[in-house]
Protein backbone atom coordinates (compact mmCIF):
# COMPACT_ATOMS: atom_id res chain seq x y z
CA MET A 1 68.04 162.55 82.87
CA GLN A 2 64.52 161.20 82.72
CA LYS A 3 63.03 159.40 85.69
CA ASN A 4 62.94 156.07 83.84
CA ASP A 5 66.63 156.37 82.99
CA ILE A 6 67.58 155.17 86.47
CA PHE A 7 66.47 151.68 85.37
CA SER A 8 68.56 151.72 82.20
CA PRO A 9 70.68 148.55 81.96
CA PHE A 10 73.66 150.67 81.01
CA LEU A 11 73.63 152.39 84.39
CA ILE A 12 73.72 149.24 86.52
CA GLN A 13 76.87 148.91 88.60
CA LYS A 14 79.05 145.84 89.17
CA ARG A 15 77.84 145.29 92.72
CA ASP A 16 74.25 145.38 91.43
CA VAL A 17 75.01 142.65 88.89
CA ARG A 18 76.33 140.43 91.67
CA SER A 19 73.18 141.01 93.65
CA LEU A 20 71.18 139.49 90.80
CA LYS A 21 72.44 135.97 91.55
CA ASN A 22 69.27 134.86 93.28
CA ALA A 23 67.09 137.84 92.46
CA SER A 24 64.45 136.04 90.41
CA SER A 25 61.66 138.26 91.70
CA PHE A 26 63.71 141.36 90.94
CA THR A 27 64.37 140.33 87.34
CA SER A 28 60.78 139.35 86.82
CA PHE A 29 59.83 142.90 87.83
CA TYR A 30 62.59 144.38 85.67
CA PRO A 31 62.87 141.88 82.78
CA HIS A 32 65.34 144.04 80.86
CA LEU A 33 67.94 143.06 83.50
CA LEU A 34 67.71 139.32 82.73
CA PRO A 35 70.60 139.41 80.23
CA PHE A 36 72.85 140.82 82.94
CA LYS A 37 71.95 138.03 85.36
CA GLY A 38 72.64 135.44 82.68
CA ALA A 39 75.95 137.03 81.75
CA TYR A 40 77.05 137.03 85.39
CA ASN A 41 76.13 133.37 85.89
CA ASN A 42 77.88 132.34 82.68
CA GLU A 43 81.01 134.22 83.71
CA LYS A 44 80.96 132.54 87.11
CA LYS A 45 80.60 129.05 85.59
CA SER A 46 83.41 129.74 83.12
CA ARG A 47 85.71 130.93 85.92
CA SER A 48 84.89 127.85 87.99
CA LYS A 49 85.70 125.51 85.07
CA THR A 50 88.97 127.35 84.44
CA MET A 51 90.06 127.01 88.07
CA LYS A 52 89.17 123.30 88.08
CA HIS A 53 91.16 122.77 84.87
CA LEU A 54 94.18 124.61 86.29
CA LYS A 55 94.03 122.56 89.49
CA GLN A 56 93.98 119.32 87.47
CA ARG A 57 96.91 120.48 85.37
CA THR A 58 99.03 121.43 88.36
CA GLN A 59 98.34 118.20 90.30
CA VAL A 60 101.26 115.89 89.64
CA PRO A 61 102.30 112.76 91.54
CA ASP A 62 105.05 113.02 94.13
CA LEU A 63 106.51 111.05 97.05
CA THR A 64 104.28 112.43 99.80
CA HIS A 65 102.46 109.14 100.42
CA GLU A 66 105.59 107.03 100.07
CA ILE A 67 107.40 109.18 102.67
CA LEU A 68 104.34 109.13 104.93
CA HIS A 69 104.54 105.33 105.07
CA GLY A 70 108.26 105.18 105.81
CA GLN A 71 110.17 105.26 102.54
CA ASN A 72 112.76 107.64 104.02
CA GLU A 73 113.26 105.20 106.91
CA GLY A 74 114.18 102.42 104.54
CA LYS A 75 110.78 100.78 104.22
CA ILE A 76 109.83 99.26 100.87
CA ILE A 77 106.73 100.95 99.42
CA CYS A 78 105.02 99.74 96.27
CA GLY A 79 102.40 101.48 94.17
CA VAL A 80 99.62 99.43 92.62
CA ASP A 81 97.24 100.25 89.79
CA GLU A 82 95.10 98.44 87.25
CA VAL A 83 93.96 99.17 83.73
CA GLY A 84 91.17 97.73 81.62
CA ARG A 85 88.02 97.82 83.71
CA GLY A 86 85.91 99.40 81.01
CA PRO A 87 86.72 97.51 77.80
CA LEU A 88 84.39 94.95 76.27
CA ALA A 89 87.27 92.62 75.48
CA GLY A 90 90.57 91.48 76.90
CA PRO A 91 91.89 90.88 80.41
CA VAL A 92 92.19 93.42 83.20
CA VAL A 93 95.86 94.07 83.96
CA ALA A 94 97.49 95.30 87.17
CA ALA A 95 101.03 96.35 87.99
CA ALA A 96 102.92 96.84 91.24
CA ALA A 97 105.99 99.09 91.18
CA ILE A 98 108.70 99.87 93.73
CA LEU A 99 110.77 102.94 92.95
CA PRO A 100 114.57 102.66 93.22
CA ARG A 101 116.02 103.59 96.63
CA GLU A 102 118.10 106.35 95.07
CA GLY A 103 115.00 107.72 93.37
CA LEU A 104 114.15 108.10 89.72
CA PRO A 105 116.31 110.40 87.60
CA PRO A 106 114.73 113.87 87.66
CA GLU A 107 114.38 113.92 83.88
CA ILE A 108 112.22 110.78 84.14
CA ALA A 109 110.36 111.59 87.36
CA CYS A 110 109.15 114.94 86.00
CA LYS A 111 107.47 113.21 83.05
CA ILE A 112 105.54 110.64 85.10
CA ASN A 113 101.81 111.11 85.60
CA ASP A 114 98.57 109.17 85.60
CA SER A 115 98.81 107.04 82.45
CA LYS A 116 95.42 108.34 81.25
CA LYS A 117 96.88 111.86 81.09
CA LEU A 118 99.78 110.79 78.89
CA SER A 119 99.86 110.10 75.18
CA ASP A 120 100.81 106.71 73.72
CA ARG A 121 104.14 108.17 72.72
CA GLN A 122 104.85 109.48 76.22
CA ARG A 123 103.92 106.17 77.83
CA GLU A 124 106.05 104.17 75.40
CA TYR A 125 108.99 106.49 76.10
CA LEU A 126 108.67 106.05 79.87
CA PHE A 127 107.99 102.29 79.86
CA PRO A 128 111.56 101.00 79.25
CA HIS A 129 112.97 103.45 81.80
CA LEU A 130 110.49 102.40 84.47
CA THR A 131 110.87 98.67 83.84
CA GLN A 132 114.65 99.02 84.00
CA LEU A 133 114.78 101.23 87.10
CA CYS A 134 111.88 99.89 89.18
CA THR A 135 111.21 96.57 90.82
CA TYR A 136 107.88 95.63 89.31
CA ALA A 137 105.44 92.85 88.58
CA VAL A 138 102.50 92.63 86.19
CA ALA A 139 99.49 90.35 86.59
CA GLN A 140 96.08 89.92 85.05
CA SER A 141 92.63 88.47 85.53
CA SER A 142 91.24 86.65 82.55
CA VAL A 143 88.01 87.26 80.67
CA GLU A 144 86.58 84.14 82.34
CA GLU A 145 87.44 85.51 85.78
CA ILE A 146 85.90 88.87 84.91
CA ASP A 147 82.65 87.14 83.90
CA SER A 148 82.54 84.89 86.96
CA LEU A 149 83.72 87.32 89.65
CA ASN A 150 82.60 90.68 88.11
CA ILE A 151 85.00 93.33 86.92
CA LEU A 152 85.61 94.94 90.33
CA HIS A 153 86.65 91.73 92.07
CA ALA A 154 88.65 90.60 89.05
CA SER A 155 90.53 93.92 89.14
CA LEU A 156 91.28 93.52 92.85
CA LEU A 157 92.44 89.96 92.23
CA ALA A 158 94.86 91.16 89.55
CA MET A 159 96.22 93.74 92.01
CA THR A 160 96.82 91.07 94.65
CA ARG A 161 98.61 88.90 92.09
CA ALA A 162 100.81 91.82 91.04
CA VAL A 163 101.92 92.59 94.62
CA ARG A 164 102.53 88.91 95.34
CA GLY A 165 104.50 88.66 92.11
CA LEU A 166 107.15 91.15 93.26
CA SER A 167 110.60 89.70 93.87
CA VAL A 168 110.62 91.37 97.31
CA THR A 169 107.77 91.71 99.80
CA PRO A 170 106.97 95.39 100.37
CA ASN A 171 106.40 96.85 103.82
CA HIS A 172 103.40 98.78 102.55
CA ALA A 173 101.32 98.98 99.37
CA LEU A 174 99.65 102.11 98.02
CA ILE A 175 96.52 101.09 96.12
CA ASP A 176 94.83 103.29 93.54
CA GLY A 177 91.11 103.65 94.25
CA ASN A 178 88.93 103.14 97.32
CA LYS A 179 88.87 99.33 97.60
CA LEU A 180 91.54 97.18 99.24
CA PRO A 181 92.36 93.91 97.50
CA LYS A 182 92.19 90.79 99.66
CA ASP A 183 95.13 88.57 100.66
CA LEU A 184 97.85 91.15 100.17
CA PRO A 185 101.20 90.13 101.68
CA CYS A 186 101.57 93.49 103.47
CA PRO A 187 99.57 96.37 104.97
CA ALA A 188 98.04 98.68 102.38
CA THR A 189 96.36 102.05 101.97
CA THR A 190 93.87 103.09 99.31
CA ILE A 191 94.29 106.47 97.62
CA ILE A 192 91.50 107.86 95.46
CA LYS A 193 93.00 109.16 92.22
CA GLY A 194 96.29 107.80 93.51
CA ASP A 195 97.80 107.73 90.03
CA SER A 196 97.70 111.54 90.12
CA LYS A 197 99.11 111.78 93.65
CA SER A 198 101.66 109.00 94.21
CA LEU A 199 104.73 108.61 92.04
CA SER A 200 104.90 104.84 92.56
CA ILE A 201 101.20 104.38 91.69
CA ALA A 202 101.65 106.53 88.59
CA ALA A 203 104.64 104.39 87.57
CA ALA A 204 102.54 101.25 88.05
CA SER A 205 99.72 102.75 85.98
CA ILE A 206 102.07 103.39 83.05
CA ILE A 207 103.53 99.88 83.21
CA ALA A 208 100.06 98.32 83.36
CA LYS A 209 98.69 100.49 80.55
CA VAL A 210 101.53 99.87 78.11
CA THR A 211 101.50 96.14 78.88
CA ARG A 212 97.77 95.82 78.25
CA ASP A 213 97.81 97.98 75.10
CA ARG A 214 100.52 95.74 73.67
CA MET A 215 98.44 92.66 74.53
CA MET A 216 95.45 94.10 72.69
CA ARG A 217 97.54 94.93 69.64
CA GLU A 218 98.67 91.30 69.55
CA LEU A 219 95.07 90.08 69.84
CA ALA A 220 94.07 92.47 67.06
CA LEU A 221 96.27 90.49 64.66
CA GLU A 222 94.00 87.47 65.30
CA HIS A 223 90.78 89.50 65.20
CA PRO A 224 91.42 92.56 62.98
CA ALA A 225 87.79 93.61 62.53
CA TYR A 226 87.34 95.03 66.02
CA GLY A 227 90.02 97.73 65.95
CA TRP A 228 91.65 96.61 69.20
CA GLU A 229 94.99 98.01 68.11
CA HIS A 230 93.42 101.46 68.39
CA ASN A 231 90.62 101.11 70.98
CA ALA A 232 92.26 98.55 73.33
CA GLY A 233 88.95 96.71 73.54
CA TYR A 234 86.83 99.69 74.55
CA GLY A 235 83.35 100.06 73.07
CA THR A 236 84.06 102.44 70.23
CA ALA A 237 81.75 102.75 67.23
CA ILE A 238 84.03 100.51 65.15
CA HIS A 239 84.14 97.86 67.89
CA LEU A 240 80.36 97.90 68.41
CA ALA A 241 79.69 97.69 64.67
CA ALA A 242 82.07 94.73 64.38
CA LEU A 243 80.28 92.99 67.24
CA GLN A 244 77.04 93.24 65.32
CA LYS A 245 78.58 92.10 62.05
CA HIS A 246 81.12 89.47 63.14
CA GLY A 247 79.82 88.39 66.52
CA VAL A 248 81.61 87.66 69.79
CA THR A 249 85.15 86.29 70.14
CA ILE A 250 86.66 84.27 72.99
CA TRP A 251 88.27 87.49 74.20
CA HIS A 252 84.99 89.31 74.75
CA ARG A 253 83.48 89.75 78.20
CA ASN A 254 80.14 88.01 78.11
CA SER A 255 78.93 89.77 81.26
CA PHE A 256 79.14 93.21 79.60
CA ALA A 257 75.84 94.43 78.14
CA PRO A 258 76.91 95.16 74.52
CA VAL A 259 78.51 91.71 74.28
CA THR A 260 75.44 90.04 75.79
CA ALA A 261 73.24 91.86 73.26
CA ALA A 262 75.47 90.80 70.36
CA LYS A 263 75.34 87.15 71.49
CA LYS A 264 71.54 87.23 71.68
CA LYS A 265 71.35 88.71 68.20
CA GLY A 266 73.72 86.09 66.85
């Protein structure tokens, strides 16, 4: 073995590769080792992404938060979620859902998740089961309210209306997100990403999502150019192009930038 062979990249050991993480001065002195540092960092990033993806896949809603707030002691717990903050058109819709005392059938409960993680077909399958088994209420804030209050406060208002619309007053409400709506008829707790953690919030998210999607499909019959039956009012390329070509409808949110720009152009 020649003296220079001790610096051959093929002789570097695994522990040496790990030591290259922050060894910028070392690799500048031995530039032929740079590929190994890059390969290690890429492998680390890939492993981190994989673990994050697996964690997201294995996180499913359960009854932990409902039990924590007294469901097993007979208290009435409702989950609350909204859908439709981001679209350029249509109302924001909220739902409040109380699971049946005897619990959901296992074959239904195991399929429930955050509505955004489910396909249209899965949501449509679950919707009639949830609306038959749960005590629920759906409410909305109009486009005019969104423009006058802003989308956050309009969303919170829709949540309050949904809880107040229930046929029974819950003992506690579990709210998706980090903001508590005002004027709720009961104590409440916010849960960030609650639709992935609480079964009742996840049920509410499915009810709200299916209800709003159906609304937008109905509105699409009146205004077919915007593709609302497919994009639910979100700012897709088809929707944005139609705004430029056909202008703004009464269902558009004037306080949203693309709609404001289209009105100025028109």
